Amino acid sequence: MKPAIRTPFFEIGVKNYIFGDDVFYLAQEADRAAKRYDVDVLFTAPYADIRRVAENTERLIVIAPYMDTEPPGRGMANVLPESLKAAGARGVVINHCEKPMTLAKIRETIERAKGLDMLSFVCADTVEEAKAVALFHPDIINPEPSGLIGSGRSSDLEFAACSVREIKAVFPDILVEQAAGITSGMQVFEYIMSGADGAGAASGIVGAVDPFAALDEMIASVRRAKDMLTQGRDWNENLPRIDHT
């Protein structure tokens, strides 16, 4: 059965910044933080590490970085969806700027994921693209300008609020993440308090001086935002603001 994600959530990607044991150790630390703060954490693992991460963590929702759509059979070197699911992946990233896809292929991949009860996590470069993708009704959309990814500069709060508004006008149940250029817990907090269902980071964690500390800070910020939303408190209370430009 497809996992139900509690919001706000956090998503961690490692891309190819790290591999092997380093992925495993980061996943274990993320699992501990997910338990510590009672936050749902998605972990985008490299193909070779999916099974190891899935079988040795309890709270992580492991997702694959990409998949093809061909059925079992011929197709050597294609990434078979059934194989990913059997390895422990519970979802898949679709249309990341480093693995772009046509709208037709995005739709086909979303439908393939639905057929296997896998989460569809779709990236979009602009609000316009996000609105188009929303028509295919994926589970999660991550609108992130590709020029900001890995740059250390994040989307401004106006872009974040606009993308949430436009996506949910198509299907209110689509979850919207903000992730481009996030390097601090305060950014995570601000995005969630501004309406995002979740936040995520890749280089902001694995490229940090202390990746474990960065991971903990960001997941703790998700918990903090969740608590404030639950209490109905003013998120501007005595908080510094982040310059997103």
Protein backbone atom coordinates (compact mmCIF):
# COMPACT_ATOMS: atom_id res chain seq x y z
CA MET A 1 0.00 0.00 0.00
CA LYS A 2 1.19 3.51 -0.82
CA PRO A 3 2.49 5.27 2.32
CA ALA A 4 0.38 8.09 3.75
CA ILE A 5 2.64 11.05 4.48
CA ARG A 6 2.00 13.16 7.55
CA THR A 7 2.62 16.83 7.02
CA PRO A 8 4.78 18.74 7.40
CA PHE A 9 7.41 16.30 6.15
CA PHE A 10 11.09 16.45 5.25
CA GLU A 11 12.91 15.03 2.22
CA ILE A 12 16.61 14.25 1.92
CA GLY A 13 18.41 13.67 -1.36
CA VAL A 14 22.03 12.61 -1.73
CA LYS A 15 22.29 12.54 -5.55
CA ASN A 16 25.87 11.34 -6.25
CA TYR A 17 27.54 13.52 -3.65
CA ILE A 18 28.05 10.45 -1.46
CA PHE A 19 27.77 6.69 -1.96
CA GLY A 20 28.12 3.34 -0.22
CA ASP A 21 28.63 3.45 3.53
CA ASP A 22 28.25 7.22 3.65
CA VAL A 23 24.71 6.91 2.31
CA PHE A 24 23.96 4.20 4.85
CA TYR A 25 25.28 6.21 7.79
CA LEU A 26 23.35 9.32 6.73
CA ALA A 27 20.18 7.25 6.36
CA GLN A 28 20.61 5.80 9.83
CA GLU A 29 21.05 9.28 11.29
CA ALA A 30 17.99 10.49 9.40
CA ASP A 31 16.03 7.55 10.78
CA ARG A 32 17.05 8.47 14.32
CA ALA A 33 16.02 12.09 13.75
CA ALA A 34 12.68 11.00 12.27
CA LYS A 35 12.01 9.07 15.48
CA ARG A 36 13.37 11.80 17.76
CA TYR A 37 11.13 14.50 16.31
CA ASP A 38 8.28 12.25 15.11
CA VAL A 39 8.50 13.63 11.57
CA ASP A 40 7.95 11.72 8.34
CA VAL A 41 11.20 11.72 6.35
CA LEU A 42 11.55 10.80 2.68
CA PHE A 43 15.01 9.59 1.73
CA THR A 44 15.99 9.59 -1.95
CA ALA A 45 18.60 6.85 -2.15
CA PRO A 46 20.85 5.89 -5.08
CA TYR A 47 19.69 2.69 -6.77
CA ALA A 48 22.53 0.58 -5.36
CA ASP A 49 21.69 1.64 -1.80
CA ILE A 50 17.89 1.35 -1.81
CA ARG A 51 17.64 -2.16 -0.36
CA ARG A 52 20.29 -1.60 2.32
CA VAL A 53 18.68 1.64 3.47
CA ALA A 54 15.12 0.28 3.36
CA GLU A 55 15.96 -2.87 5.30
CA ASN A 56 17.96 -1.11 8.01
CA THR A 57 15.74 1.84 8.86
CA GLU A 58 12.32 2.01 10.49
CA ARG A 59 10.87 5.45 9.83
CA LEU A 60 12.29 6.48 6.47
CA ILE A 61 10.15 6.46 3.34
CA VAL A 62 12.73 5.44 0.76
CA ILE A 63 12.24 6.73 -2.78
CA ALA A 64 14.18 6.14 -5.99
CA PRO A 65 15.76 8.97 -8.00
CA TYR A 66 14.18 7.89 -11.31
CA MET A 67 12.58 4.94 -13.10
CA ASP A 68 11.72 3.89 -16.62
CA THR A 69 8.23 2.72 -17.53
CA GLU A 70 8.81 -0.44 -19.58
CA PRO A 71 7.30 -3.68 -18.19
CA PRO A 72 9.38 -6.67 -17.07
CA GLY A 73 11.11 -8.39 -19.96
CA ARG A 74 13.50 -6.95 -22.51
CA GLY A 75 15.22 -3.67 -21.78
CA MET A 76 18.68 -4.29 -20.37
CA ALA A 77 19.94 -1.32 -18.30
CA ASN A 78 16.47 0.20 -17.99
CA VAL A 79 15.38 0.97 -14.42
CA LEU A 80 12.47 -1.40 -13.85
CA PRO A 81 9.75 -0.07 -11.49
CA GLU A 82 8.95 -3.53 -10.13
CA SER A 83 12.63 -4.01 -9.28
CA LEU A 84 12.73 -0.74 -7.34
CA LYS A 85 9.62 -1.66 -5.38
CA ALA A 86 10.99 -5.13 -4.62
CA ALA A 87 14.18 -3.49 -3.29
CA GLY A 88 12.18 -1.36 -0.87
CA ALA A 89 11.51 1.89 -2.74
CA ARG A 90 8.08 3.28 -1.89
CA GLY A 91 8.13 6.10 -4.38
CA VAL A 92 10.07 7.73 -7.18
CA VAL A 93 11.38 11.17 -8.14
CA ILE A 94 10.13 12.27 -11.56
CA ASN A 95 11.47 15.06 -13.79
CA HIS A 96 14.34 16.30 -11.64
CA CYS A 97 16.29 18.96 -13.54
CA GLU A 98 19.24 16.57 -13.70
CA LYS A 99 16.98 13.94 -15.31
CA PRO A 100 14.36 15.97 -17.21
CA MET A 101 11.35 14.40 -18.91
CA THR A 102 8.69 15.43 -21.39
CA LEU A 103 5.17 16.05 -20.11
CA ALA A 104 4.05 12.86 -21.84
CA LYS A 105 6.75 10.87 -20.06
CA ILE A 106 5.96 12.53 -16.73
CA ARG A 107 2.34 11.48 -17.06
CA GLU A 108 3.29 7.93 -18.07
CA THR A 109 5.66 7.59 -15.11
CA ILE A 110 3.07 8.92 -12.65
CA GLU A 111 0.56 6.36 -13.92
CA ARG A 112 3.15 3.59 -13.69
CA ALA A 113 3.88 4.56 -10.09
CA LYS A 114 0.16 4.61 -9.25
CA GLY A 115 -0.19 1.11 -10.66
CA LEU A 116 2.43 -0.12 -8.20
CA ASP A 117 1.18 1.91 -5.20
CA MET A 118 4.36 3.98 -5.28
CA LEU A 119 4.51 7.68 -4.43
CA SER A 120 5.05 10.04 -7.36
CA PHE A 121 7.33 12.94 -6.41
CA VAL A 122 7.46 15.34 -9.36
CA CYS A 123 9.84 18.26 -9.79
CA ALA A 124 8.93 21.38 -11.76
CA ASP A 125 11.13 24.28 -12.83
CA THR A 126 8.44 26.97 -12.85
CA VAL A 127 4.98 27.61 -11.44
CA GLU A 128 3.57 27.14 -14.95
CA GLU A 129 5.19 23.73 -15.28
CA ALA A 130 3.98 22.81 -11.79
CA LYS A 131 0.39 23.67 -12.78
CA ALA A 132 0.68 21.52 -15.91
CA VAL A 133 2.09 18.59 -13.94
CA ALA A 134 -0.62 18.98 -11.29
CA LEU A 135 -3.21 17.98 -13.88
CA PHE A 136 -1.70 14.47 -13.78
CA HIS A 137 -2.46 14.33 -10.03
CA PRO A 138 0.89 13.18 -8.57
CA ASP A 139 1.28 12.77 -4.82
CA ILE A 140 3.93 15.47 -4.35
CA ILE A 141 5.17 18.37 -6.46
CA ASN A 142 8.48 20.07 -5.77
CA PRO A 143 8.55 23.39 -7.64
CA GLU A 144 12.18 24.49 -7.65
CA PRO A 145 13.89 26.81 -10.17
CA SER A 146 16.74 24.73 -11.55
CA GLY A 147 19.18 27.64 -11.31
CA LEU A 148 18.88 27.60 -7.53
CA ILE A 149 19.51 23.89 -7.02
CA GLY A 150 22.81 23.37 -5.23
CA SER A 151 23.51 27.11 -5.36
CA GLY A 152 23.00 27.92 -1.69
CA ARG A 153 20.32 30.43 -2.78
CA SER A 154 16.72 29.51 -2.11
CA SER A 155 13.38 30.46 -3.69
CA ASP A 156 11.77 33.55 -2.22
CA LEU A 157 8.68 33.17 -0.08
CA GLU A 158 6.48 34.76 -2.74
CA PHE A 159 7.44 32.02 -5.22
CA ALA A 160 6.78 29.41 -2.54
CA ALA A 161 3.35 30.79 -1.65
CA CYS A 162 2.38 31.21 -5.31
CA SER A 163 3.38 27.66 -6.22
CA VAL A 164 1.39 26.22 -3.31
CA ARG A 165 -1.67 28.28 -4.25
CA GLU A 166 -1.57 27.39 -7.95
CA ILE A 167 -0.94 23.67 -7.44
CA LYS A 168 -3.66 23.24 -4.83
CA ALA A 169 -6.12 25.10 -7.05
CA VAL A 170 -5.82 22.11 -9.39
CA PHE A 171 -5.92 19.34 -6.76
CA PRO A 172 -5.97 20.38 -3.08
CA ASP A 173 -4.61 17.03 -1.92
CA ILE A 174 -1.31 17.31 -3.83
CA LEU A 175 1.48 17.90 -1.33
CA VAL A 176 3.85 20.75 -2.18
CA GLU A 177 7.48 20.75 -1.13
CA GLN A 178 10.05 23.55 -1.24
CA ALA A 179 13.66 22.47 -1.55
CA ALA A 180 15.87 24.50 -3.90
CA GLY A 181 18.97 25.88 -2.22
CA ILE A 182 17.98 25.14 1.39
CA THR A 183 20.95 25.26 3.74
CA SER A 184 19.44 26.01 7.16
CA GLY A 185 16.71 25.03 9.55
CA MET A 186 15.31 28.55 9.50
CA GLN A 187 14.63 28.27 5.76
CA VAL A 188 12.84 24.98 6.35
CA PHE A 189 10.77 26.61 9.09
CA GLU A 190 9.85 29.64 6.97
CA TYR A 191 8.74 27.60 3.98
CA ILE A 192 6.47 25.40 6.05
CA MET A 193 5.00 28.33 7.93
CA SER A 194 4.38 30.00 4.57
CA GLY A 195 2.21 27.10 3.41
CA ALA A 196 4.49 24.37 2.09
CA ASP A 197 3.61 20.81 3.12
CA GLY A 198 7.27 19.88 3.37
CA ALA A 199 10.83 20.93 2.72
CA GLY A 200 13.95 19.16 1.52
CA ALA A 201 17.66 19.43 0.98
CA ALA A 202 20.53 17.61 -0.70
CA SER A 203 23.78 19.57 -0.96
CA GLY A 204 22.68 21.69 2.01
CA ILE A 205 23.09 18.56 4.12
CA VAL A 206 25.77 16.43 2.48
CA GLY A 207 27.90 19.50 1.72
CA ALA A 208 27.68 20.90 5.24
CA VAL A 209 30.69 20.92 7.57
CA ASP A 210 28.73 18.54 9.83
CA PRO A 211 26.05 16.77 7.74
CA PHE A 212 24.50 15.06 10.76
CA ALA A 213 24.11 18.36 12.59
CA ALA A 214 22.61 20.01 9.50
CA LEU A 215 20.17 17.14 9.09
CA ASP A 216 19.13 17.32 12.74
CA GLU A 217 18.64 21.09 12.58
CA MET A 218 16.39 20.86 9.53
CA ILE A 219 14.23 18.03 10.83
CA ALA A 220 13.96 19.75 14.21
CA SER A 221 12.72 22.84 12.35
CA VAL A 222 9.97 20.77 10.73
CA ARG A 223 8.87 19.69 14.20
CA ARG A 224 9.00 23.26 15.45
CA ALA A 225 6.86 24.48 12.57
CA LYS A 226 4.38 21.66 13.09
CA ASP A 227 4.03 22.50 16.77
CA MET A 228 3.47 26.19 16.05
CA LEU A 229 0.88 25.43 13.38
CA THR A 230 -0.91 23.11 15.77
CA GLN A 231 -0.93 25.78 18.46
CA GLY A 232 -2.02 28.49 16.04
CA ARG A 233 0.87 30.73 17.04
CA ASP A 234 2.21 33.70 15.06
CA TRP A 235 5.28 32.45 13.23
CA ASN A 236 6.84 35.93 13.22
CA GLU A 237 7.23 35.96 16.98
CA ASN A 238 10.81 37.05 17.72
CA LEU A 239 12.18 35.26 14.67
CA PRO A 240 14.96 36.45 12.38
CA ARG A 241 14.06 36.44 8.70
CA ILE A 242 16.05 34.79 5.93
CA ASP A 243 17.10 36.71 2.83
CA HIS A 244 16.18 34.29 0.02
CA THR A 245 17.70 36.36 -2.79
